[in-house]
N, C-alpha and C. Protein backbone atom coordinates (compact mmCIF):
# COMPACT_ATOMS: atom_id res chain seq x y z
N MET A 1 90.47 -7.01 39.81
CA MET A 1 91.48 -7.00 38.77
C MET A 1 91.08 -7.98 37.68
N THR A 2 91.15 -7.55 36.42
CA THR A 2 90.76 -8.44 35.33
C THR A 2 91.98 -9.10 34.72
N ASP A 3 91.76 -10.26 34.16
CA ASP A 3 92.80 -11.00 33.47
C ASP A 3 93.21 -10.21 32.23
N SER A 4 94.50 -10.11 31.99
CA SER A 4 94.99 -9.31 30.87
C SER A 4 94.60 -9.90 29.52
N THR A 5 94.16 -11.14 29.48
CA THR A 5 93.75 -11.74 28.21
C THR A 5 92.26 -11.59 27.95
N THR A 6 91.52 -11.02 28.89
CA THR A 6 90.07 -10.95 28.77
C THR A 6 89.61 -10.17 27.55
N GLU A 7 90.26 -9.07 27.24
CA GLU A 7 89.81 -8.21 26.16
C GLU A 7 90.75 -8.20 24.96
N LEU A 8 91.47 -9.27 24.74
CA LEU A 8 92.41 -9.32 23.63
C LEU A 8 91.70 -9.32 22.28
N PRO A 9 92.14 -8.45 21.36
CA PRO A 9 91.59 -8.53 20.01
C PRO A 9 92.18 -9.74 19.27
N VAL A 10 91.56 -10.10 18.16
CA VAL A 10 91.99 -11.27 17.38
C VAL A 10 93.48 -11.17 17.03
N ALA A 11 93.94 -10.00 16.63
CA ALA A 11 95.36 -9.85 16.24
C ALA A 11 96.29 -10.20 17.40
N ALA A 12 95.93 -9.83 18.61
CA ALA A 12 96.76 -10.14 19.77
C ALA A 12 96.71 -11.63 20.10
N ILE A 13 95.54 -12.24 19.93
CA ILE A 13 95.42 -13.68 20.15
C ILE A 13 96.29 -14.42 19.14
N GLU A 14 96.19 -14.01 17.88
CA GLU A 14 97.00 -14.64 16.83
C GLU A 14 98.49 -14.45 17.10
N GLN A 15 98.87 -13.29 17.60
CA GLN A 15 100.28 -13.03 17.90
C GLN A 15 100.78 -13.98 18.99
N ARG A 16 100.00 -14.15 20.05
CA ARG A 16 100.42 -15.04 21.13
C ARG A 16 100.54 -16.49 20.67
N ILE A 17 99.57 -16.92 19.87
CA ILE A 17 99.62 -18.28 19.34
C ILE A 17 100.83 -18.43 18.41
N GLY A 18 101.04 -17.44 17.56
CA GLY A 18 102.19 -17.46 16.65
C GLY A 18 103.51 -17.51 17.38
N GLU A 19 103.63 -16.76 18.47
CA GLU A 19 104.86 -16.77 19.27
C GLU A 19 105.10 -18.15 19.89
N PHE A 20 104.03 -18.78 20.37
CA PHE A 20 104.15 -20.12 20.93
C PHE A 20 104.61 -21.11 19.86
N LEU A 21 103.96 -21.05 18.69
CA LEU A 21 104.34 -21.94 17.59
C LEU A 21 105.78 -21.71 17.15
N GLN A 22 106.17 -20.45 17.07
CA GLN A 22 107.54 -20.15 16.64
C GLN A 22 108.55 -20.69 17.65
N ALA A 23 108.27 -20.55 18.93
CA ALA A 23 109.17 -21.06 19.96
C ALA A 23 109.29 -22.58 19.88
N LYS A 24 108.19 -23.25 19.56
CA LYS A 24 108.19 -24.71 19.51
C LYS A 24 108.73 -25.27 18.20
N THR A 25 108.49 -24.58 17.08
CA THR A 25 108.85 -25.13 15.77
C THR A 25 110.04 -24.43 15.12
N LYS A 26 110.45 -23.31 15.69
CA LYS A 26 111.55 -22.50 15.12
C LYS A 26 111.22 -21.98 13.73
N ALA A 27 109.93 -21.76 13.48
CA ALA A 27 109.47 -21.22 12.20
C ALA A 27 108.35 -20.21 12.45
N THR A 28 108.19 -19.29 11.52
CA THR A 28 107.11 -18.30 11.59
C THR A 28 105.94 -18.81 10.75
N TRP A 29 104.73 -18.65 11.27
CA TRP A 29 103.54 -19.20 10.61
C TRP A 29 102.57 -18.10 10.24
N GLU A 30 102.15 -18.11 8.98
CA GLU A 30 101.08 -17.21 8.53
C GLU A 30 99.77 -17.71 9.14
N PRO A 31 98.82 -16.81 9.40
CA PRO A 31 97.58 -17.19 10.10
C PRO A 31 96.76 -18.29 9.43
N GLU A 32 96.82 -18.40 8.11
CA GLU A 32 95.96 -19.36 7.39
C GLU A 32 96.67 -20.67 7.04
N VAL A 33 97.95 -20.82 7.34
CA VAL A 33 98.68 -22.03 6.96
C VAL A 33 98.17 -23.22 7.77
N ASP A 34 97.89 -24.33 7.07
CA ASP A 34 97.43 -25.56 7.73
C ASP A 34 98.63 -26.22 8.40
N LEU A 35 98.66 -26.18 9.71
CA LEU A 35 99.79 -26.68 10.48
C LEU A 35 99.92 -28.19 10.38
N PHE A 36 98.81 -28.89 10.25
CA PHE A 36 98.85 -30.35 10.13
C PHE A 36 99.38 -30.75 8.75
N ALA A 37 98.87 -30.11 7.70
CA ALA A 37 99.31 -30.42 6.34
C ALA A 37 100.79 -30.11 6.15
N SER A 38 101.29 -29.11 6.85
CA SER A 38 102.69 -28.72 6.73
C SER A 38 103.62 -29.72 7.41
N GLY A 39 103.06 -30.56 8.27
CA GLY A 39 103.87 -31.51 9.02
C GLY A 39 104.41 -30.95 10.32
N ALA A 40 104.06 -29.71 10.64
CA ALA A 40 104.57 -29.06 11.86
C ALA A 40 103.89 -29.58 13.12
N VAL A 41 102.67 -30.07 12.98
CA VAL A 41 101.90 -30.48 14.15
C VAL A 41 101.59 -31.98 14.08
N SER A 42 102.02 -32.69 15.10
CA SER A 42 101.69 -34.10 15.27
C SER A 42 100.53 -34.18 16.25
N SER A 43 100.02 -35.37 16.46
CA SER A 43 98.91 -35.52 17.41
C SER A 43 99.37 -35.14 18.82
N LEU A 44 100.60 -35.46 19.18
CA LEU A 44 101.13 -35.09 20.50
C LEU A 44 101.24 -33.58 20.63
N PHE A 45 101.78 -32.93 19.60
CA PHE A 45 101.90 -31.47 19.64
C PHE A 45 100.53 -30.81 19.64
N ALA A 46 99.55 -31.44 19.00
CA ALA A 46 98.19 -30.90 19.01
C ALA A 46 97.66 -30.81 20.44
N MET A 47 97.99 -31.80 21.26
CA MET A 47 97.56 -31.76 22.66
C MET A 47 98.26 -30.62 23.40
N GLU A 48 99.53 -30.35 23.07
CA GLU A 48 100.22 -29.21 23.66
C GLU A 48 99.51 -27.92 23.28
N LEU A 49 99.04 -27.83 22.04
CA LEU A 49 98.32 -26.64 21.59
C LEU A 49 97.03 -26.45 22.39
N VAL A 50 96.32 -27.55 22.64
CA VAL A 50 95.08 -27.47 23.42
C VAL A 50 95.39 -26.92 24.81
N VAL A 51 96.40 -27.46 25.46
CA VAL A 51 96.77 -27.01 26.81
C VAL A 51 97.21 -25.55 26.79
N PHE A 52 98.00 -25.17 25.79
CA PHE A 52 98.45 -23.78 25.66
C PHE A 52 97.26 -22.84 25.53
N VAL A 53 96.33 -23.17 24.63
CA VAL A 53 95.16 -22.32 24.40
C VAL A 53 94.34 -22.20 25.69
N GLU A 54 94.12 -23.31 26.37
CA GLU A 54 93.32 -23.28 27.60
C GLU A 54 93.99 -22.42 28.67
N LYS A 55 95.26 -22.63 28.90
CA LYS A 55 95.96 -21.91 29.97
C LYS A 55 96.17 -20.44 29.63
N THR A 56 96.53 -20.15 28.41
CA THR A 56 96.84 -18.78 28.02
C THR A 56 95.60 -17.90 27.94
N PHE A 57 94.52 -18.46 27.44
CA PHE A 57 93.33 -17.64 27.19
C PHE A 57 92.17 -17.91 28.13
N GLY A 58 92.37 -18.80 29.11
CA GLY A 58 91.36 -19.04 30.12
C GLY A 58 90.08 -19.65 29.60
N VAL A 59 90.21 -20.55 28.64
CA VAL A 59 89.03 -21.23 28.09
C VAL A 59 89.16 -22.73 28.35
N THR A 60 88.05 -23.43 28.20
CA THR A 60 88.04 -24.89 28.30
C THR A 60 87.65 -25.44 26.94
N VAL A 61 88.53 -26.26 26.38
CA VAL A 61 88.27 -26.87 25.08
C VAL A 61 87.86 -28.31 25.33
N GLU A 62 86.61 -28.63 24.97
CA GLU A 62 86.11 -29.98 25.22
C GLU A 62 85.10 -30.38 24.17
N GLY A 63 84.75 -31.66 24.17
CA GLY A 63 83.73 -32.17 23.25
C GLY A 63 84.06 -31.86 21.81
N PRO A 64 83.06 -31.36 21.08
CA PRO A 64 83.24 -31.12 19.65
C PRO A 64 84.30 -30.05 19.34
N ASP A 65 84.64 -29.22 20.32
CA ASP A 65 85.67 -28.20 20.09
C ASP A 65 87.06 -28.80 19.99
N LEU A 66 87.22 -30.05 20.40
CA LEU A 66 88.52 -30.72 20.31
C LEU A 66 88.76 -31.30 18.92
N SER A 67 88.29 -30.64 17.90
CA SER A 67 88.47 -31.14 16.54
C SER A 67 89.74 -30.58 15.91
N ARG A 68 90.26 -31.34 14.98
CA ARG A 68 91.47 -30.94 14.25
C ARG A 68 91.26 -29.58 13.59
N ASP A 69 90.08 -29.35 13.05
CA ASP A 69 89.79 -28.10 12.34
C ASP A 69 90.02 -26.87 13.22
N ASN A 70 89.72 -26.97 14.51
CA ASN A 70 89.89 -25.83 15.41
C ASN A 70 91.35 -25.53 15.73
N PHE A 71 92.25 -26.45 15.39
CA PHE A 71 93.67 -26.28 15.69
C PHE A 71 94.54 -26.36 14.43
N SER A 72 93.91 -26.26 13.27
CA SER A 72 94.63 -26.44 12.01
C SER A 72 95.48 -25.24 11.62
N SER A 73 95.16 -24.07 12.14
CA SER A 73 95.93 -22.86 11.80
C SER A 73 95.84 -21.87 12.95
N VAL A 74 96.70 -20.88 12.89
CA VAL A 74 96.67 -19.81 13.88
C VAL A 74 95.31 -19.13 13.86
N ARG A 75 94.79 -18.88 12.67
CA ARG A 75 93.48 -18.22 12.54
C ARG A 75 92.37 -19.07 13.13
N ALA A 76 92.41 -20.38 12.89
CA ALA A 76 91.37 -21.27 13.44
C ALA A 76 91.40 -21.26 14.96
N MET A 77 92.60 -21.28 15.53
CA MET A 77 92.72 -21.25 16.99
C MET A 77 92.23 -19.93 17.56
N SER A 78 92.56 -18.82 16.91
CA SER A 78 92.09 -17.53 17.42
C SER A 78 90.57 -17.42 17.32
N SER A 79 89.99 -17.98 16.28
CA SER A 79 88.53 -17.99 16.15
C SER A 79 87.90 -18.82 17.26
N LEU A 80 88.50 -19.96 17.55
CA LEU A 80 88.01 -20.81 18.64
C LEU A 80 88.06 -20.06 19.97
N VAL A 81 89.18 -19.43 20.26
CA VAL A 81 89.33 -18.69 21.51
C VAL A 81 88.27 -17.59 21.60
N THR A 82 88.11 -16.84 20.52
CA THR A 82 87.13 -15.76 20.51
C THR A 82 85.73 -16.29 20.77
N ARG A 83 85.37 -17.39 20.09
CA ARG A 83 84.04 -17.97 20.26
C ARG A 83 83.84 -18.49 21.68
N LEU A 84 84.83 -19.20 22.21
CA LEU A 84 84.68 -19.77 23.56
C LEU A 84 84.60 -18.68 24.64
N ARG A 85 85.18 -17.54 24.36
CA ARG A 85 85.12 -16.44 25.32
C ARG A 85 83.89 -15.58 25.13
N GLY A 86 83.10 -15.92 24.12
CA GLY A 86 81.85 -15.20 23.89
C GLY A 86 82.04 -13.81 23.34
N GLY A 87 83.20 -13.57 22.73
CA GLY A 87 83.48 -12.24 22.20
C GLY A 87 83.43 -12.20 20.70
N ASP A 88 83.52 -10.98 20.18
CA ASP A 88 83.53 -10.83 18.73
C ASP A 88 84.94 -10.59 18.21
N GLY A 89 85.92 -10.41 19.13
CA GLY A 89 87.30 -10.23 18.73
C GLY A 89 87.61 -8.89 18.13
N ALA A 90 86.67 -7.95 18.23
CA ALA A 90 86.88 -6.63 17.63
C ALA A 90 87.92 -5.84 18.38
């Protein structure tokens, strides 16, 4: 049996991240909006995002991947997930 997140396209990854953000912030986020610049994400909430991404998509975020840039927007997080899973997100 395969994990249901194994073959997720980028749009589905972005949707899941967006749903998590909406539940936490009570706001809807466009994929390119800088979450840090908007004030929606603090350093503590950034750690919640790391844990969410790891648990939801079955990846490990470590070392240089733990950069602010990888968590600055929904699109950045979906790109990180796609890259860490070795997929093209098509």
